[in-house]
Structures are given as C-alpha cells and as structure tokens.
N, C-alpha and C. Protein backbone atom coordinates (compact mmCIF):
# COMPACT_ATOMS: atom_id res chain seq x y z
N UNK A 1 -147.52 78.23 -94.76
CA UNK A 1 -147.13 79.34 -93.54
C UNK A 1 -147.77 80.36 -94.01
N UNK A 2 -148.58 80.77 -92.47
CA UNK A 2 -148.87 81.68 -93.36
C UNK A 2 -149.66 83.20 -92.32
N UNK A 3 -149.67 84.47 -91.67
CA UNK A 3 -149.83 84.71 -90.29
C UNK A 3 -151.51 85.71 -91.11
N UNK A 4 -152.44 85.08 -91.92
CA UNK A 4 -153.66 85.85 -92.39
C UNK A 4 -154.58 85.09 -92.31
N UNK A 5 -155.16 84.91 -91.16
CA UNK A 5 -155.72 84.07 -90.52
C UNK A 5 -156.56 84.81 -89.04
N UNK A 6 -158.17 84.96 -88.79
CA UNK A 6 -158.27 85.37 -87.53
C UNK A 6 -158.51 83.77 -86.36
N UNK A 7 -157.58 83.79 -85.56
CA UNK A 7 -157.32 82.91 -84.47
C UNK A 7 -158.46 82.95 -83.50
N UNK A 8 -159.10 81.04 -83.78
CA UNK A 8 -160.22 81.26 -82.84
C UNK A 8 -160.38 81.69 -81.42
N UNK A 9 -161.46 82.19 -81.49
CA UNK A 9 -161.70 82.96 -80.14
C UNK A 9 -161.48 82.69 -78.71
N UNK A 10 -161.78 81.46 -78.69
CA UNK A 10 -161.40 80.06 -77.57
C UNK A 10 -159.92 80.15 -76.64
N UNK A 11 -159.53 79.94 -78.18
CA UNK A 11 -157.82 79.83 -77.72
C UNK A 11 -157.67 81.67 -77.22
N UNK A 12 -157.88 82.74 -77.98
CA UNK A 12 -157.47 83.58 -77.64
C UNK A 12 -157.13 84.15 -76.81
N UNK A 13 -159.08 83.89 -75.81
CA UNK A 13 -159.21 84.33 -74.61
C UNK A 13 -157.64 83.01 -73.63
N UNK A 14 -157.53 81.82 -73.73
CA UNK A 14 -156.57 81.24 -72.93
C UNK A 14 -155.32 82.03 -72.91
N UNK A 15 -154.66 82.57 -74.27
CA UNK A 15 -153.52 83.34 -74.01
C UNK A 15 -153.24 84.57 -73.40
N UNK A 16 -154.70 85.40 -73.60
CA UNK A 16 -154.22 86.83 -72.78
C UNK A 16 -155.18 86.47 -71.48
N UNK A 17 -155.28 85.48 -70.93
CA UNK A 17 -155.95 84.97 -69.95
C UNK A 17 -154.59 84.93 -69.23
N UNK A 18 -153.61 84.04 -69.38
CA UNK A 18 -152.75 83.58 -68.97
C UNK A 18 -151.24 84.52 -69.21
N UNK A 19 -151.16 85.37 -70.53
CA UNK A 19 -150.33 87.01 -70.53
C UNK A 19 -150.47 87.39 -68.70
N UNK A 20 -151.26 87.58 -68.32
CA UNK A 20 -151.83 87.88 -66.66
C UNK A 20 -151.51 87.83 -66.19
N UNK A 21 -150.90 86.12 -65.65
CA UNK A 21 -150.38 85.00 -65.10
C UNK A 21 -149.10 85.47 -64.87
N UNK A 22 -148.26 86.00 -66.15
CA UNK A 22 -146.64 86.18 -66.02
C UNK A 22 -145.98 87.19 -65.87
N UNK A 23 -145.39 86.33 -64.81
CA UNK A 23 -144.09 87.40 -63.90
C UNK A 23 -144.03 88.54 -63.79
N UNK A 24 -143.64 88.91 -63.02
CA UNK A 24 -143.78 90.34 -63.12
C UNK A 24 -141.94 91.26 -63.75
N UNK A 25 -141.40 89.90 -63.56
CA UNK A 25 -139.47 89.92 -63.76
C UNK A 25 -139.60 89.63 -65.32
N UNK A 26 -140.97 89.83 -66.05
CA UNK A 26 -140.54 89.26 -67.53
C UNK A 26 -141.09 90.16 -67.85
N UNK A 27 -140.71 91.68 -69.29
CA UNK A 27 -140.93 92.30 -70.34
C UNK A 27 -142.03 91.88 -71.07
N UNK A 28 -143.36 92.16 -71.23
CA UNK A 28 -144.02 91.70 -72.94
C UNK A 28 -143.90 92.78 -73.50
N UNK A 29 -144.14 92.31 -75.32
CA UNK A 29 -143.99 93.26 -76.40
C UNK A 29 -145.11 92.22 -77.07
N UNK A 30 -145.61 92.72 -77.97
CA UNK A 30 -146.49 92.37 -79.33
C UNK A 30 -145.28 92.17 -80.80
N UNK A 31 -145.36 91.14 -81.13
CA UNK A 31 -145.19 90.96 -82.56
C UNK A 31 -145.65 90.82 -83.22
N UNK A 32 -145.03 91.72 -84.24
CA UNK A 32 -146.07 91.23 -85.97
C UNK A 32 -145.97 89.89 -86.24
N UNK A 33 -147.14 89.18 -86.08
CA UNK A 33 -147.06 87.46 -86.60
C UNK A 33 -146.22 87.33 -88.36
N UNK A 34 -146.21 87.76 -88.80
CA UNK A 34 -144.78 88.02 -89.96
C UNK A 34 -143.97 87.68 -89.47
N UNK A 35 -142.81 88.43 -88.19
CA UNK A 35 -141.85 87.35 -87.30
C UNK A 35 -142.14 86.16 -87.13
N UNK A 36 -143.25 85.56 -86.27
CA UNK A 36 -143.27 84.12 -86.57
C UNK A 36 -142.91 83.89 -87.81
N UNK A 37 -143.63 83.70 -88.60
CA UNK A 37 -144.01 83.19 -89.83
C UNK A 37 -142.18 83.24 -90.40
N UNK A 38 -141.33 83.86 -90.14
CA UNK A 38 -140.26 83.78 -90.69
C UNK A 38 -138.83 82.58 -89.57
N UNK A 39 -139.54 83.18 -89.14
CA UNK A 39 -138.73 81.93 -87.91
C UNK A 39 -138.84 80.64 -87.44
N UNK A 40 -140.53 80.70 -88.20
CA UNK A 40 -140.44 79.06 -88.11
C UNK A 40 -140.24 78.14 -88.81
N UNK A 41 -140.00 79.52 -90.32
CA UNK A 41 -140.45 79.07 -91.48
C UNK A 41 -138.48 77.89 -92.27
N UNK A 42 -137.76 77.76 -90.61
CA UNK A 42 -136.66 77.95 -91.05
C UNK A 42 -136.31 75.53 -90.06
N UNK A 43 -137.93 75.95 -89.28
CA UNK A 43 -137.83 74.43 -88.80
C UNK A 43 -138.70 73.60 -90.08
N UNK A 44 -138.02 71.97 -89.98
CA UNK A 44 -138.78 70.93 -90.65
C UNK A 44 -140.31 70.47 -89.17
N UNK A 45 -140.26 70.87 -88.03
CA UNK A 45 -141.44 70.81 -87.33
C UNK A 45 -142.09 71.12 -87.60
N UNK A 46 -142.55 72.36 -88.36
CA UNK A 46 -143.92 73.11 -88.79
C UNK A 46 -144.15 72.87 -89.40
N UNK A 47 -143.14 72.69 -90.21
CA UNK A 47 -143.14 72.85 -92.04
C UNK A 47 -144.16 71.20 -92.51
N UNK A 48 -143.93 70.04 -91.75
CA UNK A 48 -144.64 69.52 -92.50
C UNK A 48 -145.81 69.00 -92.36
N UNK A 49 -146.93 70.41 -92.31
CA UNK A 49 -148.61 70.75 -92.44
C UNK A 49 -148.54 70.82 -93.78
N UNK A 50 -149.81 70.76 -93.55
CA UNK A 50 -150.55 71.36 -95.20
C UNK A 50 -151.18 72.45 -95.02
N UNK A 51 -151.26 73.30 -94.02
CA UNK A 51 -152.14 75.01 -93.79
C UNK A 51 -150.97 74.85 -92.44
N UNK A 52 -150.46 76.02 -92.18
CA UNK A 52 -150.02 76.78 -90.62
C UNK A 52 -149.80 77.44 -90.39
N UNK A 53 -150.73 78.41 -90.43
CA UNK A 53 -151.06 80.00 -89.48
C UNK A 53 -150.43 80.55 -88.22
N UNK A 54 -150.49 81.35 -88.27
CA UNK A 54 -149.14 81.92 -86.68
C UNK A 54 -149.81 82.83 -86.09
N UNK A 55 -150.34 82.74 -84.76
CA UNK A 55 -151.03 84.27 -84.23
C UNK A 55 -150.20 84.13 -83.09
N UNK A 56 -150.65 85.57 -82.65
CA UNK A 56 -150.09 86.06 -81.14
C UNK A 56 -148.37 85.78 -81.21
N UNK A 57 -147.85 86.00 -81.72
CA UNK A 57 -146.22 86.06 -81.59
C UNK A 57 -146.03 87.27 -79.97
N UNK A 58 -145.25 86.84 -79.77
CA UNK A 58 -145.10 87.17 -77.96
C UNK A 58 -143.82 87.80 -77.81
N UNK A 59 -142.78 88.47 -77.49
CA UNK A 59 -141.75 88.84 -76.63
C UNK A 59 -142.30 88.65 -75.48
N UNK A 60 -141.11 87.82 -74.67
CA UNK A 60 -141.06 87.64 -72.92
C UNK A 60 -139.25 88.12 -72.96
N UNK A 61 -139.14 89.41 -72.46
CA UNK A 61 -137.54 89.50 -72.14
C UNK A 61 -137.13 89.14 -70.57
N UNK A 62 -136.06 88.94 -70.41
CA UNK A 62 -135.76 88.62 -69.14
C UNK A 62 -134.41 89.36 -68.78
N UNK A 63 -134.12 89.71 -67.43
CA UNK A 63 -132.90 89.66 -67.15
C UNK A 63 -131.35 89.78 -68.67
N UNK A 64 -130.92 88.36 -69.23
CA UNK A 64 -130.16 88.78 -69.85
C UNK A 64 -131.05 88.31 -71.64
N UNK A 65 -131.62 87.09 -71.54
CA UNK A 65 -132.29 87.68 -72.90
C UNK A 65 -133.61 87.71 -73.08
N UNK A 66 -134.00 86.83 -74.29
CA UNK A 66 -135.46 87.37 -74.46
C UNK A 66 -136.27 85.42 -74.99
N UNK A 67 -137.39 85.83 -75.23
CA UNK A 67 -138.08 84.29 -75.96
C UNK A 67 -139.08 84.69 -76.44
N UNK A 68 -139.76 83.79 -77.71
CA UNK A 68 -140.90 84.03 -78.24
C UNK A 68 -141.89 83.47 -77.86
N UNK A 69 -142.68 83.48 -77.43
CA UNK A 69 -144.19 82.01 -77.94
C UNK A 69 -145.16 83.02 -78.83
N UNK A 70 -145.57 81.45 -79.89
CA UNK A 70 -146.48 81.89 -80.42
C UNK A 70 -147.80 81.26 -81.15
N UNK A 71 -148.51 81.22 -81.19
CA UNK A 71 -149.68 80.21 -81.44
C UNK A 71 -149.47 79.35 -82.76
N UNK A 72 -149.86 78.20 -82.95
CA UNK A 72 -149.47 77.51 -84.12
C UNK A 72 -151.07 77.14 -84.05
N UNK A 73 -151.85 77.36 -86.13
CA UNK A 73 -152.61 76.59 -85.67
C UNK A 73 -152.41 75.23 -87.38
N UNK A 74 -152.77 74.44 -86.65
CA UNK A 74 -152.17 73.64 -87.67
C UNK A 74 -153.44 72.56 -88.52
N UNK A 75 -152.86 73.06 -89.51
CA UNK A 75 -153.98 71.74 -90.61
C UNK A 75 -153.49 71.03 -91.34
N UNK A 76 -154.05 69.47 -90.64
CA UNK A 76 -153.71 68.53 -91.80
C UNK A 76 -154.62 67.23 -92.24
N UNK A 77 -154.44 65.98 -92.52
CA UNK A 77 -155.63 65.21 -93.15
C UNK A 77 -155.19 63.89 -92.94
N UNK A 78 -156.00 63.27 -92.23
CA UNK A 78 -155.62 61.46 -91.74
C UNK A 78 -156.33 61.00 -92.04
N UNK A 79 -155.91 59.48 -92.37
CA UNK A 79 -156.98 58.53 -92.80
C UNK A 79 -156.71 57.92 -91.86
N UNK A 80 -158.10 57.95 -91.54
CA UNK A 80 -159.32 56.80 -90.51
C UNK A 80 -159.97 55.03 -91.23
N UNK A 81 -159.67 54.28 -90.45
CA UNK A 81 -160.13 53.36 -90.85
C UNK A 81 -161.52 52.85 -90.40
N UNK A 82 -162.03 52.56 -90.56
CA UNK A 82 -163.53 52.63 -90.12
C UNK A 82 -164.15 50.72 -90.89
N UNK A 83 -165.17 50.92 -90.28
CA UNK A 83 -165.49 49.09 -90.83
C UNK A 83 -165.75 49.47 -92.80
N UNK A 84 -166.37 50.20 -92.65
CA UNK A 84 -166.88 50.55 -93.98
C UNK A 84 -165.38 50.28 -95.10
N UNK A 85 -164.10 51.01 -94.34
CA UNK A 85 -163.08 51.60 -94.90
C UNK A 85 -162.44 52.53 -95.02
N UNK A 86 -161.35 53.00 -95.55
CA UNK A 86 -160.75 53.41 -95.11
C UNK A 86 -161.16 55.81 -95.81
N UNK A 87 -161.29 56.44 -94.66
CA UNK A 87 -161.82 57.43 -94.77
C UNK A 87 -160.84 59.02 -94.57
N UNK A 88 -160.94 60.07 -95.21
CA UNK A 88 -160.16 61.27 -94.31
C UNK A 88 -160.70 62.22 -93.95
N UNK A 89 -159.71 62.45 -92.98
CA UNK A 89 -160.55 63.57 -92.14
C UNK A 89 -159.88 64.79 -91.76
N UNK A 90 -160.55 65.53 -91.71
CA UNK A 90 -159.51 66.67 -91.60
C UNK A 90 -159.14 67.16 -90.29
N UNK A 91 -158.15 67.27 -89.75
CA UNK A 91 -158.23 68.06 -88.23
C UNK A 91 -157.50 69.27 -88.07
N UNK A 92 -158.24 70.21 -87.01
CA UNK A 92 -157.44 72.04 -87.05
C UNK A 92 -157.30 71.89 -85.42
N UNK A 93 -155.70 71.90 -85.03
CA UNK A 93 -155.44 72.28 -84.08
C UNK A 93 -154.79 73.67 -84.29
N UNK A 94 -154.48 73.60 -82.42
CA UNK A 94 -153.87 75.34 -81.80
C UNK A 94 -152.84 75.09 -81.14
N UNK A 95 -151.63 75.09 -81.20
CA UNK A 95 -150.19 74.62 -80.27
C UNK A 95 -149.89 76.02 -80.13
N UNK A 96 -149.25 75.81 -78.79
CA UNK A 96 -148.14 77.03 -78.23
C UNK A 96 -146.96 76.27 -78.70
N UNK A 97 -146.16 77.08 -79.19
CA UNK A 97 -144.60 76.88 -79.47
C UNK A 97 -143.82 78.03 -78.63
N UNK A 98 -142.38 77.19 -78.53
CA UNK A 98 -141.45 78.52 -77.94
C UNK A 98 -139.90 78.76 -78.89
N UNK A 99 -139.95 80.31 -78.91
CA UNK A 99 -138.88 80.50 -80.18
C UNK A 99 -137.70 81.17 -79.48
N UNK A 100 -136.32 80.31 -79.18
CA UNK A 100 -134.84 81.44 -78.59
C UNK A 100 -133.85 81.61 -78.97
N UNK A 101 -133.40 82.55 -79.16
CA UNK A 101 -131.41 82.05 -80.18
C UNK A 101 -130.95 81.17 -79.33
N UNK A 102 -129.72 81.29 -80.03
CA UNK A 102 -128.89 80.95 -79.05
C UNK A 102 -127.29 81.70 -80.00
N UNK A 103 -126.45 82.07 -78.74
CA UNK A 103 -125.24 83.02 -79.43
C UNK A 103 -124.20 82.48 -80.81
N UNK A 104 -123.76 80.45 -80.84
CA UNK A 104 -123.41 80.42 -82.02
C UNK A 104 -124.25 79.17 -82.91
N UNK A 105 -123.68 79.67 -84.39
CA UNK A 105 -124.35 79.32 -84.83
C UNK A 105 -124.34 77.05 -84.90
N UNK A 106 -125.02 76.47 -84.53
CA UNK A 106 -123.62 75.07 -84.48
C UNK A 106 -125.24 73.95 -85.25
N UNK A 107 -125.93 74.06 -85.97
CA UNK A 107 -126.11 73.72 -87.61
C UNK A 107 -127.90 73.63 -86.68
N UNK A 108 -127.69 72.15 -87.67
CA UNK A 108 -129.06 71.73 -86.87
C UNK A 108 -129.31 70.25 -86.39
N UNK A 109 -130.18 70.45 -85.50
CA UNK A 109 -130.03 69.21 -84.26
C UNK A 109 -131.37 69.69 -83.86
N UNK A 110 -131.55 68.04 -83.97
CA UNK A 110 -133.14 67.35 -83.44
C UNK A 110 -132.67 66.72 -81.72
N UNK A 111 -133.65 67.15 -80.71
CA UNK A 111 -133.55 66.72 -79.45
C UNK A 111 -135.10 66.31 -79.04
N UNK A 112 -135.08 64.98 -78.73
CA UNK A 112 -136.72 65.07 -78.23
C UNK A 112 -136.04 63.54 -77.08
N UNK A 113 -136.83 63.52 -76.05
CA UNK A 113 -136.87 62.19 -75.26
C UNK A 113 -136.55 60.87 -75.56
N UNK A 114 -135.48 60.45 -75.18
CA UNK A 114 -134.92 58.77 -75.51
C UNK A 114 -135.04 57.60 -75.17
N UNK A 115 -136.03 56.73 -75.99
CA UNK A 115 -136.11 55.75 -75.71
C UNK A 115 -135.51 54.50 -75.49
N UNK A 116 -135.91 53.83 -75.91
CA UNK A 116 -135.04 52.27 -75.13
C UNK A 116 -134.55 51.35 -76.16
N UNK A 117 -135.42 52.24 -77.53
CA UNK A 117 -135.05 51.62 -79.11
C UNK A 117 -133.89 52.21 -79.35
N UNK A 118 -134.10 53.81 -78.70
CA UNK A 118 -132.82 54.92 -78.78
C UNK A 118 -131.84 54.62 -78.88
N UNK A 119 -131.66 53.94 -77.65
CA UNK A 119 -130.45 53.55 -76.89
C UNK A 119 -129.72 52.28 -77.25
N UNK A 120 -131.09 50.92 -77.68
CA UNK A 120 -130.14 49.82 -78.15
C UNK A 120 -129.37 50.12 -80.25
N UNK A 121 -130.11 51.51 -80.73
CA UNK A 121 -129.78 51.61 -81.93
C UNK A 121 -129.07 52.09 -82.00
N UNK A 122 -128.46 53.59 -80.46
CA UNK A 122 -127.51 53.46 -80.69
C UNK A 122 -126.34 52.86 -80.50
N UNK A 123 -126.05 52.20 -79.79
CA UNK A 123 -124.94 51.20 -79.55
C UNK A 123 -124.47 50.68 -81.18
N UNK A 124 -125.34 50.72 -82.23
CA UNK A 124 -124.84 49.99 -83.22
C UNK A 124 -124.11 51.92 -83.97
N UNK A 125 -125.83 52.59 -84.39
CA UNK A 125 -125.07 53.61 -85.15
C UNK A 125 -123.69 54.69 -84.17
N UNK A 126 -123.96 54.82 -83.07
CA UNK A 126 -123.80 55.99 -82.49
C UNK A 126 -123.50 57.62 -83.04
N UNK A 127 -125.12 57.96 -82.90
CA UNK A 127 -125.48 59.19 -83.99
C UNK A 127 -126.31 59.52 -82.27
N UNK A 128 -125.98 59.06 -81.99
CA UNK A 128 -126.79 60.36 -79.79
C UNK A 128 -125.33 60.24 -79.83
N UNK A 129 -125.51 62.16 -79.38
CA UNK A 129 -124.21 63.37 -79.38
C UNK A 129 -124.61 63.21 -77.50
N UNK A 130 -123.66 63.38 -76.86
CA UNK A 130 -123.66 62.45 -74.93
C UNK A 130 -122.74 63.56 -75.01
N UNK A 131 -122.84 64.35 -73.47
CA UNK A 131 -122.59 64.95 -72.67
C UNK A 131 -121.83 64.45 -71.43
N UNK A 132 -120.42 64.34 -71.20
CA UNK A 132 -119.62 64.17 -69.86
C UNK A 132 -120.30 64.74 -69.14
N UNK A 133 -120.37 66.29 -69.09
CA UNK A 133 -120.48 67.35 -67.85
C UNK A 133 -121.87 66.73 -67.70
N UNK A 134 -122.64 66.78 -68.37
CA UNK A 134 -124.38 66.45 -68.13
C UNK A 134 -125.10 64.97 -68.45
N UNK A 135 -124.39 64.09 -67.62
CA UNK A 135 -124.58 62.99 -68.09
C UNK A 135 -126.47 62.46 -67.26
N UNK A 136 -127.05 63.49 -66.42
CA UNK A 136 -128.78 63.08 -66.14
C UNK A 136 -129.40 64.03 -67.65
N UNK A 137 -129.01 64.64 -68.36
CA UNK A 137 -129.23 65.13 -70.15
C UNK A 137 -129.11 64.36 -71.15
N UNK A 138 -128.16 63.52 -70.97
CA UNK A 138 -127.43 62.80 -71.42
C UNK A 138 -128.06 60.90 -71.88
N UNK A 139 -128.98 60.88 -70.35
CA UNK A 139 -129.48 59.59 -70.96
C UNK A 139 -131.24 60.08 -70.96
N UNK A 140 -131.55 61.51 -70.21
CA UNK A 140 -132.86 61.49 -71.52
C UNK A 140 -132.63 61.76 -72.32
N UNK A 141 -132.86 62.09 -72.86
CA UNK A 141 -132.77 63.27 -74.29
C UNK A 141 -131.70 62.58 -75.00
N UNK A 142 -132.56 62.14 -76.76
CA UNK A 142 -131.51 61.54 -77.48
C UNK A 142 -131.32 63.48 -78.85
N UNK A 143 -129.92 63.05 -79.28
CA UNK A 143 -129.44 64.53 -79.53
C UNK A 143 -129.00 64.11 -80.80
N UNK A 144 -129.60 65.06 -81.93
CA UNK A 144 -128.86 63.94 -83.21
C UNK A 144 -128.76 65.70 -83.53
N UNK A 145 -127.15 65.63 -84.10
CA UNK A 145 -127.09 67.16 -85.28
C UNK A 145 -125.47 66.94 -86.44
N UNK A 146 -126.01 67.25 -87.30
CA UNK A 146 -125.16 67.77 -88.32
C UNK A 146 -123.83 67.25 -87.87
N UNK A 147 -122.91 68.53 -86.84
CA UNK A 147 -121.60 69.02 -86.57
C UNK A 147 -121.94 67.73 -85.29
N UNK A 148 -121.78 67.20 -84.84
CA UNK A 148 -121.72 66.44 -83.29
C UNK A 148 -120.52 66.89 -82.58
N UNK A 149 -118.80 67.00 -82.64
CA UNK A 149 -118.28 67.68 -82.40
C UNK A 149 -117.94 69.56 -81.86
N UNK A 150 -118.91 70.08 -83.11
CA UNK A 150 -119.65 71.81 -82.89
C UNK A 150 -120.70 71.43 -81.51
N UNK A 151 -121.70 70.38 -82.32
CA UNK A 151 -122.76 70.57 -81.03
C UNK A 151 -122.08 70.39 -79.33
N UNK A 152 -121.37 69.70 -79.49
CA UNK A 152 -120.47 69.36 -77.96
C UNK A 152 -120.10 69.85 -77.59
N UNK A 153 -119.38 71.18 -78.03
CA UNK A 153 -118.71 72.05 -77.79
C UNK A 153 -119.30 73.92 -77.40
N UNK A 154 -120.08 73.72 -77.99
CA UNK A 154 -120.92 74.95 -78.40
C UNK A 154 -122.88 74.96 -77.80
N UNK A 155 -123.42 73.95 -77.17
CA UNK A 155 -124.70 73.87 -77.00
C UNK A 155 -124.69 74.38 -76.13
N UNK A 156 -125.38 75.44 -75.89
CA UNK A 156 -125.50 76.62 -74.46
C UNK A 156 -125.41 75.24 -73.34
N UNK A 157 -125.26 76.50 -72.22
CA UNK A 157 -125.19 75.71 -71.28
C UNK A 157 -127.04 75.93 -70.68
N UNK A 158 -127.27 77.16 -71.12
CA UNK A 158 -128.68 77.44 -70.28
C UNK A 158 -130.00 76.08 -71.29
N UNK A 159 -129.52 75.89 -72.53
CA UNK A 159 -130.87 75.09 -73.20
C UNK A 159 -130.49 73.28 -72.50
N UNK A 160 -128.94 73.01 -72.31
CA UNK A 160 -129.57 71.68 -71.55
C UNK A 160 -129.78 71.78 -69.84
N UNK A 161 -129.01 72.81 -68.97
CA UNK A 161 -129.74 73.24 -67.76
C UNK A 161 -131.44 73.05 -67.58
N UNK A 162 -131.40 74.08 -69.33
CA UNK A 162 -133.16 73.51 -68.41
C UNK A 162 -133.80 72.97 -69.39
N UNK A 163 -133.54 71.77 -69.97
CA UNK A 163 -134.49 70.72 -71.00
C UNK A 163 -133.78 69.65 -69.44
N UNK A 164 -133.03 69.43 -68.90
CA UNK A 164 -132.80 68.48 -67.74
C UNK A 164 -133.76 68.66 -67.18
N UNK A 165 -135.13 69.83 -66.57
CA UNK A 165 -135.92 69.30 -65.78
C UNK A 165 -137.50 69.07 -66.12
N UNK A 166 -137.12 68.95 -67.30
CA UNK A 166 -138.35 69.66 -68.47
C UNK A 166 -138.89 68.03 -69.29
N UNK A 167 -140.07 67.90 -68.84
CA UNK A 167 -140.55 66.75 -69.91
C UNK A 167 -141.41 66.75 -71.15
N UNK A 168 -141.61 65.81 -71.50
CA UNK A 168 -142.22 65.96 -73.17
C UNK A 168 -141.99 66.96 -73.90
N UNK A 169 -140.80 67.87 -74.39
CA UNK A 169 -140.38 68.30 -75.29
C UNK A 169 -139.59 68.01 -76.64
N UNK A 170 -139.95 68.55 -77.58
CA UNK A 170 -139.12 68.78 -78.92
C UNK A 170 -138.35 69.87 -78.70
N UNK A 171 -136.35 69.66 -79.60
CA UNK A 171 -135.70 70.84 -79.56
C UNK A 171 -135.60 71.13 -80.79
N UNK A 172 -136.26 71.19 -81.65
CA UNK A 172 -135.20 71.68 -82.58
C UNK A 172 -134.41 73.19 -83.16
N UNK A 173 -133.20 72.88 -83.59
CA UNK A 173 -132.27 73.93 -83.82
C UNK A 173 -131.55 74.39 -84.86
N UNK A 174 -132.07 75.23 -85.75
CA UNK A 174 -131.16 75.61 -86.95
C UNK A 174 -130.26 77.08 -87.09
N UNK A 175 -129.00 76.48 -86.73
CA UNK A 175 -128.12 77.81 -86.75
C UNK A 175 -128.50 79.10 -86.22
N UNK A 176 -129.33 79.36 -85.57
CA UNK A 176 -129.12 80.56 -83.97
C UNK A 176 -130.71 80.81 -83.44
N UNK A 177 -131.12 79.41 -84.19
CA UNK A 177 -132.68 79.41 -83.67
C UNK A 177 -132.90 77.80 -83.55
N UNK A 178 -133.96 78.27 -82.02
CA UNK A 178 -134.62 76.99 -81.53
C UNK A 178 -136.12 77.32 -81.44
N UNK A 179 -136.40 75.63 -81.67
CA UNK A 179 -138.19 75.59 -81.52
C UNK A 179 -138.33 74.51 -80.31
N UNK A 180 -139.45 74.56 -79.38
CA UNK A 180 -139.12 74.31 -78.25
C UNK A 180 -140.71 73.77 -78.73
N UNK A 181 -141.70 72.44 -78.83
CA UNK A 181 -142.82 72.35 -78.84
C UNK A 181 -143.07 71.01 -77.88
N UNK A 182 -144.52 70.91 -77.53
CA UNK A 182 -144.65 69.49 -77.13
C UNK A 182 -145.39 68.67 -78.42
N UNK A 183 -146.10 69.23 -78.98
CA UNK A 183 -147.19 68.56 -79.92
C UNK A 183 -148.66 68.37 -79.19
N UNK A 184 -149.22 69.27 -78.10
CA UNK A 184 -150.19 69.21 -77.69
C UNK A 184 -150.81 70.70 -77.62
N UNK A 185 -152.43 69.84 -77.80
CA UNK A 185 -153.38 70.99 -77.92
C UNK A 185 -153.13 72.20 -77.01
N UNK A 186 -153.20 73.84 -77.14
CA UNK A 186 -153.16 74.99 -75.84
C UNK A 186 -154.19 74.47 -75.24
N UNK A 187 -153.58 74.62 -73.68
CA UNK A 187 -153.99 75.21 -72.23
C UNK A 187 -153.76 75.76 -71.63
N UNK A 188 -154.50 75.94 -71.00
CA UNK A 188 -153.58 77.21 -69.73
C UNK A 188 -152.68 76.24 -69.09
N UNK A 189 -152.32 75.65 -68.89
CA UNK A 189 -151.22 75.00 -67.95
C UNK A 189 -150.53 74.39 -69.18
N UNK A 190 -150.02 74.11 -70.86
CA UNK A 190 -149.21 73.63 -71.14
C UNK A 190 -148.82 75.60 -71.92
N UNK A 191 -149.18 76.01 -72.07
CA UNK A 191 -149.08 77.62 -72.40
C UNK A 191 -147.81 77.63 -71.26
N UNK A 192 -148.38 78.15 -69.69
CA UNK A 192 -147.31 78.73 -68.98
C UNK A 192 -146.28 77.68 -68.76
N UNK A 193 -146.07 76.56 -68.43
CA UNK A 193 -145.57 75.28 -68.87
C UNK A 193 -144.06 76.28 -69.46
N UNK A 194 -143.94 76.52 -70.90
CA UNK A 194 -143.55 76.90 -72.42
C UNK A 194 -142.89 78.19 -71.86
N UNK A 195 -143.71 79.04 -70.85
CA UNK A 195 -142.80 80.57 -69.96
C UNK A 195 -141.95 80.18 -69.76
N UNK A 196 -142.53 79.56 -69.05
CA UNK A 196 -141.93 78.92 -67.82
C UNK A 196 -140.31 78.50 -67.71
N UNK A 197 -140.34 77.50 -68.79
CA UNK A 197 -138.96 77.02 -69.96
C UNK A 197 -138.30 78.36 -70.12
N UNK A 198 -139.20 78.90 -71.11
CA UNK A 198 -138.33 80.19 -71.64
C UNK A 198 -137.44 81.41 -70.34
N UNK A 199 -138.38 81.10 -69.45
CA UNK A 199 -138.51 82.20 -68.00
C UNK A 199 -137.03 81.73 -67.81
N UNK A 200 -136.62 80.12 -67.22
CA UNK A 200 -136.01 79.16 -66.52
C UNK A 200 -134.77 79.56 -67.70
N UNK A 201 -134.22 80.17 -69.35
CA UNK A 201 -133.27 80.05 -70.29
C UNK A 201 -132.79 81.40 -70.19
N UNK A 202 -133.70 82.47 -69.57
CA UNK A 202 -133.42 84.28 -69.95
C UNK A 202 -132.67 83.66 -68.41
N UNK A 203 -133.03 83.88 -67.41
CA UNK A 203 -132.10 83.53 -65.95
C UNK A 203 -131.09 84.23 -66.22
C-alpha cells in the first residue's frame, strides 16, 4: 500500500466537484495520504490487493465527531476464461471509502448484508451476532466478531442506527477504527452517499 502515485484526472475532477456540494455544517480539512495509508493498513478488506494507492484523504468534521473519506486505487489480476484458454487481465479501479473511529476497542468485526445462506448457516453455527434492541438491523446485517459479548455491549448506537438506513455496504472494524466500503467504482453519487453516511454518524 502506498500514497505515492498521481491520481487519475477524471477521479480528481469527480472528487473536487463533490466537495463543493458538501453541506456547510461539515468542516473540511485535507489530510496527508500517509495518514490514510496508516489507517487503511489495519483492514483486511483492502490488504487483499496486489497494489493499492491512497489519494485525497479528507476529514469531514461534524458537531460531535469526524470521519475521513479517501480514494483507494486498486490493482489486481484476474483470470478470464476465453475460447482459446485462460488469460490474465489487469484491473485498475478507484473506489471511495469511509474511515471512522469508535470510542471503545471491540476487537475485529466484519459486517455485511445478510443472505439466505447466512441465515441457514447460522441455525447451526450461531456465529451471527444479533442485537435484541435492533431487530431490523439484526435481520439486515450479518455481523461476526472476535468477542461477541463485547460487541453486543459496546457496538456504537450511531453505527447501528446509520447502517439500518444504508444498503449495499461492507463494514470492517479493527480496534477503535472502522471502514465502510461498497466495492464499487467511484461515481459522484457513490461519493455523496458515503459522505451522507459519515454525516449521519457525526450528528
């Protein structure tokens, strides 16, 4: 993972355009890419790529707390099946991600949209962590963690209540830091969505 690379011009244009649309109640501060590299290195979600560059690390501060948005430039090789055999294809994508902090270290947690297969598997494994006071969230998300009881006691309410309203995101928490991503390429709409998610967490 590295911060040393020039960002694609079209991605830069989208990012700067979106910043002009950010609600005035959010204070914006540019941060060094090295901070983004340091924080992102905590997460398994982004350590799977052959090459990863971090751009446009930006802090958005609300009334109670702040969050970071960064662009990650992912490089990976996939194998495609063709009529004449299997061939390697190099993929380069730019994805926006949201980085946030939580008050208490609750270990490693992984959270994603729950599938029917997850529900069936959980009948036997009982890995999925449910929250009695948040049945909608528990139906919607599959949550796995190293310390289930600690997660149940200290999972921040702002995170649960925000995720109840959001579709198609993956959340990874490691210690006091969390990552929200969609695994989708950068668009203006997607970036505005992540900023909106961050804003709901800071109200």
